[in-house]
Amino acid sequence: MLTGFSPRKQNLTLYIMPGFEQYEDLLSRLGKYANGKSCLYIRKLEDIDQDVLRELVGQSVEYMKETSE
């Protein structure tokens, strides 16, 4: 799986498979969120910068494609 999404009752959950260590700059600009090892929890889309989210997911997918080849 390159990335995943689950609209749960409490949060929107995105699965960023490589984790978050290399995305600290993007996370600092994202907005209001919580995270686990590879899960990004967002209560409402209005809480975050959606352009930054697109960039985060895009970079994560790119990284996964590069490392799985």
PDB file of N, CA and C in Angstrom:
ATOM      1  N   MET A   1       0.844  -1.173   0.000  1.00  0.00           N
ATOM      2  CA  MET A   1       0.000   0.000   0.000  1.00  0.00           C
ATOM      3  C   MET A   1       0.895   1.243   0.000  1.00  0.00           C
ATOM      4  N   LEU A   2       0.639   2.154  -0.895  1.00  0.00           N
ATOM      5  CA  LEU A   2       1.420   3.390  -0.970  1.00  0.00           C
ATOM      6  C   LEU A   2       0.947   4.416   0.048  1.00  0.00           C
ATOM      7  N   THR A   3      -0.351   4.536   0.197  1.00  0.00           N
ATOM      8  CA  THR A   3      -0.959   5.424   1.187  1.00  0.00           C
ATOM      9  C   THR A   3      -2.380   4.935   1.403  1.00  0.00           C
ATOM     10  N   GLY A   4      -3.002   5.385   2.460  1.00  0.00           N
ATOM     11  CA  GLY A   4      -4.362   4.953   2.730  1.00  0.00           C
ATOM     12  C   GLY A   4      -5.172   6.064   3.357  1.00  0.00           C
ATOM     13  N   PHE A   5      -6.490   5.896   3.337  1.00  0.00           N
ATOM     14  CA  PHE A   5      -7.404   6.892   3.881  1.00  0.00           C
ATOM     15  C   PHE A   5      -8.581   6.167   4.520  1.00  0.00           C
ATOM     16  N   SER A   6      -8.980   6.619   5.695  1.00  0.00           N
ATOM     17  CA  SER A   6     -10.135   6.044   6.375  1.00  0.00           C
ATOM     18  C   SER A   6     -10.934   7.163   7.032  1.00  0.00           C
ATOM     19  N   PRO A   7     -12.156   7.391   6.569  1.00  0.00           N
ATOM     20  CA  PRO A   7     -13.004   8.409   7.211  1.00  0.00           C
ATOM     21  C   PRO A   7     -13.684   7.817   8.442  1.00  0.00           C
ATOM     22  N   ARG A   8     -13.054   7.939   9.581  1.00  0.00           N
ATOM     23  CA  ARG A   8     -13.592   7.381  10.819  1.00  0.00           C
ATOM     24  C   ARG A   8     -14.504   8.383  11.510  1.00  0.00           C
ATOM     25  N   LYS A   9     -15.245   7.915  12.486  1.00  0.00           N
ATOM     26  CA  LYS A   9     -16.208   8.769  13.188  1.00  0.00           C
ATOM     27  C   LYS A   9     -15.541   9.976  13.851  1.00  0.00           C
ATOM     28  N   GLN A  10     -14.430   9.757  14.542  1.00  0.00           N
ATOM     29  CA  GLN A  10     -13.763  10.842  15.256  1.00  0.00           C
ATOM     30  C   GLN A  10     -12.809  11.653  14.392  1.00  0.00           C
ATOM     31  N   ASN A  11     -12.114  11.009  13.458  1.00  0.00           N
ATOM     32  CA  ASN A  11     -11.069  11.671  12.670  1.00  0.00           C
ATOM     33  C   ASN A  11     -11.063  11.147  11.245  1.00  0.00           C
ATOM     34  N   LEU A  12     -10.501  11.957  10.375  1.00  0.00           N
ATOM     35  CA  LEU A  12     -10.087  11.463   9.071  1.00  0.00           C
ATOM     36  C   LEU A  12      -8.685  10.914   9.291  1.00  0.00           C
ATOM     37  N   THR A  13      -8.434   9.708   8.865  1.00  0.00           N
ATOM     38  CA  THR A  13      -7.134   9.088   9.096  1.00  0.00           C
ATOM     39  C   THR A  13      -6.450   8.825   7.765  1.00  0.00           C
ATOM     40  N   LEU A  14      -5.232   9.339   7.628  1.00  0.00           N
ATOM     41  CA  LEU A  14      -4.412   9.061   6.454  1.00  0.00           C
ATOM     42  C   LEU A  14      -3.219   8.244   6.897  1.00  0.00           C
ATOM     43  N   TYR A  15      -2.885   7.252   6.104  1.00  0.00           N
ATOM     44  CA  TYR A  15      -1.751   6.391   6.416  1.00  0.00           C
ATOM     45  C   TYR A  15      -0.577   6.811   5.539  1.00  0.00           C
ATOM     46  N   ILE A  16       0.417   7.393   6.165  1.00  0.00           N
ATOM     47  CA  ILE A  16       1.632   7.850   5.496  1.00  0.00           C
ATOM     48  C   ILE A  16       2.676   6.775   5.775  1.00  0.00           C
ATOM     49  N   MET A  17       2.844   5.877   4.825  1.00  0.00           N
ATOM     50  CA  MET A  17       3.569   4.629   5.061  1.00  0.00           C
ATOM     51  C   MET A  17       5.030   4.796   5.501  1.00  0.00           C
ATOM     52  N   PRO A  18       5.790   5.777   4.997  1.00  0.00           N
ATOM     53  CA  PRO A  18       7.174   5.877   5.481  1.00  0.00           C
ATOM     54  C   PRO A  18       7.297   6.502   6.868  1.00  0.00           C
ATOM     55  N   GLY A  19       6.198   6.921   7.475  1.00  0.00           N
ATOM     56  CA  GLY A  19       6.268   7.609   8.761  1.00  0.00           C
ATOM     57  C   GLY A  19       6.456   9.103   8.542  1.00  0.00           C
ATOM     58  N   PHE A  20       6.829   9.822   9.587  1.00  0.00           N
ATOM     59  CA  PHE A  20       6.820  11.286   9.507  1.00  0.00           C
ATOM     60  C   PHE A  20       8.166  11.958   9.707  1.00  0.00           C
ATOM     61  N   GLU A  21       9.213  11.225  10.040  1.00  0.00           N
ATOM     62  CA  GLU A  21      10.498  11.843  10.364  1.00  0.00           C
ATOM     63  C   GLU A  21      11.008  12.762   9.266  1.00  0.00           C
ATOM     64  N   GLN A  22      10.895  12.359   8.021  1.00  0.00           N
ATOM     65  CA  GLN A  22      11.442  13.159   6.925  1.00  0.00           C
ATOM     66  C   GLN A  22      10.502  14.280   6.470  1.00  0.00           C
ATOM     67  N   TYR A  23       9.337  14.409   7.093  1.00  0.00           N
ATOM     68  CA  TYR A  23       8.353  15.402   6.664  1.00  0.00           C
ATOM     69  C   TYR A  23       8.088  16.464   7.731  1.00  0.00           C
ATOM     70  N   GLU A  24       9.040  16.694   8.615  1.00  0.00           N
ATOM     71  CA  GLU A  24       8.846  17.645   9.706  1.00  0.00           C
ATOM     72  C   GLU A  24       8.514  19.049   9.204  1.00  0.00           C
ATOM     73  N   ASP A  25       9.164  19.487   8.124  1.00  0.00           N
ATOM     74  CA  ASP A  25       8.887  20.824   7.572  1.00  0.00           C
ATOM     75  C   ASP A  25       7.443  20.927   7.113  1.00  0.00           C
ATOM     76  N   LEU A  26       6.970  19.928   6.387  1.00  0.00           N
ATOM     77  CA  LEU A  26       5.577  19.941   5.921  1.00  0.00           C
ATOM     78  C   LEU A  26       4.609  19.892   7.099  1.00  0.00           C
ATOM     79  N   LEU A  27       4.890  19.066   8.073  1.00  0.00           N
ATOM     80  CA  LEU A  27       4.002  18.952   9.230  1.00  0.00           C
ATOM     81  C   LEU A  27       3.920  20.266   9.999  1.00  0.00           C
ATOM     82  N   SER A  28       5.012  21.013  10.040  1.00  0.00           N
ATOM     83  CA  SER A  28       4.996  22.295  10.752  1.00  0.00           C
ATOM     84  C   SER A  28       4.084  23.308  10.068  1.00  0.00           C
ATOM     85  N   ARG A  29       3.811  23.101   8.791  1.00  0.00           N
ATOM     86  CA  ARG A  29       2.946  24.010   8.029  1.00  0.00           C
ATOM     87  C   ARG A  29       1.542  23.449   7.818  1.00  0.00           C
ATOM     88  N   LEU A  30       1.280  22.235   8.285  1.00  0.00           N
ATOM     89  CA  LEU A  30       0.023  21.553   7.981  1.00  0.00           C
ATOM     90  C   LEU A  30      -1.176  22.138   8.707  1.00  0.00           C
ATOM     91  N   GLY A  31      -1.031  22.442   9.966  1.00  0.00           N
ATOM     92  CA  GLY A  31      -2.171  22.926  10.749  1.00  0.00           C
ATOM     93  C   GLY A  31      -2.421  22.012  11.929  1.00  0.00           C
ATOM     94  N   LYS A  32      -3.678  21.867  12.304  1.00  0.00           N
ATOM     95  CA  LYS A  32      -4.060  21.110  13.494  1.00  0.00           C
ATOM     96  C   LYS A  32      -4.258  19.634  13.148  1.00  0.00           C
ATOM     97  N   TYR A  33      -3.449  18.776  13.758  1.00  0.00           N
ATOM     98  CA  TYR A  33      -3.499  17.342  13.495  1.00  0.00           C
ATOM     99  C   TYR A  33      -2.885  16.603  14.678  1.00  0.00           C
ATOM    100  N   ALA A  34      -3.029  15.296  14.664  1.00  0.00           N
ATOM    101  CA  ALA A  34      -2.314  14.411  15.588  1.00  0.00           C
ATOM    102  C   ALA A  34      -1.740  13.297  14.730  1.00  0.00           C
ATOM    103  N   ASN A  35      -0.735  12.618  15.247  1.00  0.00           N
ATOM    104  CA  ASN A  35      -0.185  11.518  14.465  1.00  0.00           C
ATOM    105  C   ASN A  35       0.318  10.404  15.365  1.00  0.00           C
ATOM    106  N   GLY A  36       0.348   9.221  14.769  1.00  0.00           N
ATOM    107  CA  GLY A  36       0.939   8.046  15.387  1.00  0.00           C
ATOM    108  C   GLY A  36       2.169   7.693  14.583  1.00  0.00           C
ATOM    109  N   LYS A  37       2.553   6.440  14.592  1.00  0.00           N
ATOM    110  CA  LYS A  37       3.759   6.029  13.884  1.00  0.00           C
ATOM    111  C   LYS A  37       3.663   6.314  12.380  1.00  0.00           C
ATOM    112  N   SER A  38       2.567   5.937  11.741  1.00  0.00           N
ATOM    113  CA  SER A  38       2.378   6.243  10.318  1.00  0.00           C
ATOM    114  C   SER A  38       0.961   6.728  10.028  1.00  0.00           C
ATOM    115  N   CYS A  39       0.221   7.102  11.065  1.00  0.00           N
ATOM    116  CA  CYS A  39      -1.159   7.582  10.899  1.00  0.00           C
ATOM    117  C   CYS A  39      -1.228   9.086  11.154  1.00  0.00           C
ATOM    118  N   LEU A  40      -1.931   9.764  10.288  1.00  0.00           N
ATOM    119  CA  LEU A  40      -2.165  11.194  10.438  1.00  0.00           C
ATOM    120  C   LEU A  40      -3.651  11.367  10.720  1.00  0.00           C
ATOM    121  N   TYR A  41      -3.984  11.967  11.857  1.00  0.00           N
ATOM    122  CA  TYR A  41      -5.369  12.137  12.273  1.00  0.00           C
ATOM    123  C   TYR A  41      -5.777  13.595  12.130  1.00  0.00           C
ATOM    124  N   ILE A  42      -6.853  13.825  11.396  1.00  0.00           N
ATOM    125  CA  ILE A  42      -7.363  15.176  11.158  1.00  0.00           C
ATOM    126  C   ILE A  42      -8.840  15.186  11.533  1.00  0.00           C
ATOM    127  N   ARG A  43      -9.229  16.116  12.387  1.00  0.00           N
ATOM    128  CA  ARG A  43     -10.650  16.194  12.781  1.00  0.00           C
ATOM    129  C   ARG A  43     -11.510  16.747  11.641  1.00  0.00           C
ATOM    130  N   LYS A  44     -11.090  17.873  11.070  1.00  0.00           N
ATOM    131  CA  LYS A  44     -11.842  18.508   9.982  1.00  0.00           C
ATOM    132  C   LYS A  44     -10.853  19.014   8.940  1.00  0.00           C
ATOM    133  N   LEU A  45     -11.221  18.945   7.686  1.00  0.00           N
ATOM    134  CA  LEU A  45     -10.349  19.455   6.626  1.00  0.00           C
ATOM    135  C   LEU A  45     -10.074  20.946   6.795  1.00  0.00           C
ATOM    136  N   GLU A  46     -10.996  21.657   7.406  1.00  0.00           N
ATOM    137  CA  GLU A  46     -10.812  23.095   7.630  1.00  0.00           C
ATOM    138  C   GLU A  46      -9.667  23.380   8.603  1.00  0.00           C
ATOM    139  N   ASP A  47      -9.253  22.372   9.374  1.00  0.00           N
ATOM    140  CA  ASP A  47      -8.182  22.541  10.361  1.00  0.00           C
ATOM    141  C   ASP A  47      -6.783  22.537   9.750  1.00  0.00           C
ATOM    142  N   ILE A  48      -6.675  22.142   8.482  1.00  0.00           N
ATOM    143  CA  ILE A  48      -5.348  21.976   7.885  1.00  0.00           C
ATOM    144  C   ILE A  48      -5.236  22.743   6.571  1.00  0.00           C
ATOM    145  N   ASP A  49      -4.008  22.904   6.130  1.00  0.00           N
ATOM    146  CA  ASP A  49      -3.713  23.483   4.814  1.00  0.00           C
ATOM    147  C   ASP A  49      -3.729  22.322   3.811  1.00  0.00           C
ATOM    148  N   GLN A  50      -4.754  22.289   2.982  1.00  0.00           N
ATOM    149  CA  GLN A  50      -4.931  21.161   2.073  1.00  0.00           C
ATOM    150  C   GLN A  50      -3.845  21.077   1.008  1.00  0.00           C
ATOM    151  N   ASP A  51      -3.253  22.198   0.636  1.00  0.00           N
ATOM    152  CA  ASP A  51      -2.129  22.163  -0.309  1.00  0.00           C
ATOM    153  C   ASP A  51      -0.927  21.452   0.311  1.00  0.00           C
ATOM    154  N   VAL A  52      -0.679  21.713   1.582  1.00  0.00           N
ATOM    155  CA  VAL A  52       0.421  21.050   2.288  1.00  0.00           C
ATOM    156  C   VAL A  52       0.115  19.555   2.413  1.00  0.00           C
ATOM    157  N   LEU A  53      -1.133  19.205   2.680  1.00  0.00           N
ATOM    158  CA  LEU A  53      -1.521  17.796   2.762  1.00  0.00           C
ATOM    159  C   LEU A  53      -1.274  17.089   1.430  1.00  0.00           C
ATOM    160  N   ARG A  54      -1.649  17.721   0.331  1.00  0.00           N
ATOM    161  CA  ARG A  54      -1.392  17.136  -0.999  1.00  0.00           C
ATOM    162  C   ARG A  54       0.104  16.898  -1.208  1.00  0.00           C
ATOM    163  N   GLU A  55       0.901  17.876  -0.820  1.00  0.00           N
ATOM    164  CA  GLU A  55       2.351  17.751  -0.969  1.00  0.00           C
ATOM    165  C   GLU A  55       2.899  16.620  -0.100  1.00  0.00           C
ATOM    166  N   LEU A  56       2.414  16.518   1.120  1.00  0.00           N
ATOM    167  CA  LEU A  56       2.842  15.457   2.029  1.00  0.00           C
ATOM    168  C   LEU A  56       2.516  14.078   1.457  1.00  0.00           C
ATOM    169  N   VAL A  57       1.297  13.887   1.018  1.00  0.00           N
ATOM    170  CA  VAL A  57       0.894  12.600   0.442  1.00  0.00           C
ATOM    171  C   VAL A  57       1.686  12.319  -0.825  1.00  0.00           C
ATOM    172  N   GLY A  58       1.853  13.327  -1.674  1.00  0.00           N
ATOM    173  CA  GLY A  58       2.620  13.156  -2.913  1.00  0.00           C
ATOM    174  C   GLY A  58       4.055  12.738  -2.660  1.00  0.00           C
ATOM    175  N   GLN A  59       4.708  13.409  -1.721  1.00  0.00           N
ATOM    176  CA  GLN A  59       6.094  13.058  -1.406  1.00  0.00           C
ATOM    177  C   GLN A  59       6.190  11.666  -0.798  1.00  0.00           C
ATOM    178  N   SER A  60       5.218  11.317   0.026  1.00  0.00           N
ATOM    179  CA  SER A  60       5.200   9.990   0.639  1.00  0.00           C
ATOM    180  C   SER A  60       5.052   8.900  -0.420  1.00  0.00           C
ATOM    181  N   VAL A  61       4.126   9.095  -1.354  1.00  0.00           N
ATOM    182  CA  VAL A  61       3.911   8.116  -2.427  1.00  0.00           C
ATOM    183  C   VAL A  61       5.162   8.003  -3.291  1.00  0.00           C
ATOM    184  N   GLU A  62       5.761   9.133  -3.631  1.00  0.00           N
ATOM    185  CA  GLU A  62       6.989   9.133  -4.427  1.00  0.00           C
ATOM    186  C   GLU A  62       8.099   8.342  -3.721  1.00  0.00           C
ATOM    187  N   TYR A  63       8.251   8.589  -2.422  1.00  0.00           N
ATOM    188  CA  TYR A  63       9.260   7.884  -1.641  1.00  0.00           C
ATOM    189  C   TYR A  63       8.999   6.382  -1.646  1.00  0.00           C
ATOM    190  N   MET A  64       7.756   5.991  -1.454  1.00  0.00           N
ATOM    191  CA  MET A  64       7.419   4.566  -1.438  1.00  0.00           C
ATOM    192  C   MET A  64       7.695   3.917  -2.783  1.00  0.00           C
ATOM    193  N   LYS A  65       7.393   4.618  -3.858  1.00  0.00           N
ATOM    194  CA  LYS A  65       7.667   4.065  -5.198  1.00  0.00           C
ATOM    195  C   LYS A  65       9.159   3.900  -5.423  1.00  0.00           C
ATOM    196  N   GLU A  66       9.944   4.884  -5.002  1.00  0.00           N
ATOM    197  CA  GLU A  66      11.403   4.827  -5.186  1.00  0.00           C
ATOM    198  C   GLU A  66      12.034   3.709  -4.370  1.00  0.00           C
ATOM    199  N   THR A  67      11.558   3.505  -3.173  1.00  0.00           N
ATOM    200  CA  THR A  67      12.186   2.515  -2.293  1.00  0.00           C
ATOM    201  C   THR A  67      11.692   1.102  -2.527  1.00  0.00           C
ATOM    202  N   SER A  68      10.590   0.947  -3.253  1.00  0.00           N
ATOM    203  CA  SER A  68      10.064  -0.399  -3.474  1.00  0.00           C
ATOM    204  C   SER A  68      10.524  -0.983  -4.811  1.00  0.00           C
ATOM    205  N   GLU A  69      11.222  -0.215  -5.589  1.00  0.00           N
ATOM    206  CA  GLU A  69      11.682  -0.708  -6.902  1.00  0.00           C
ATOM    207  C   GLU A  69      12.950  -1.498  -6.792  1.00  0.00           C
TER     208      GLU A  69
END
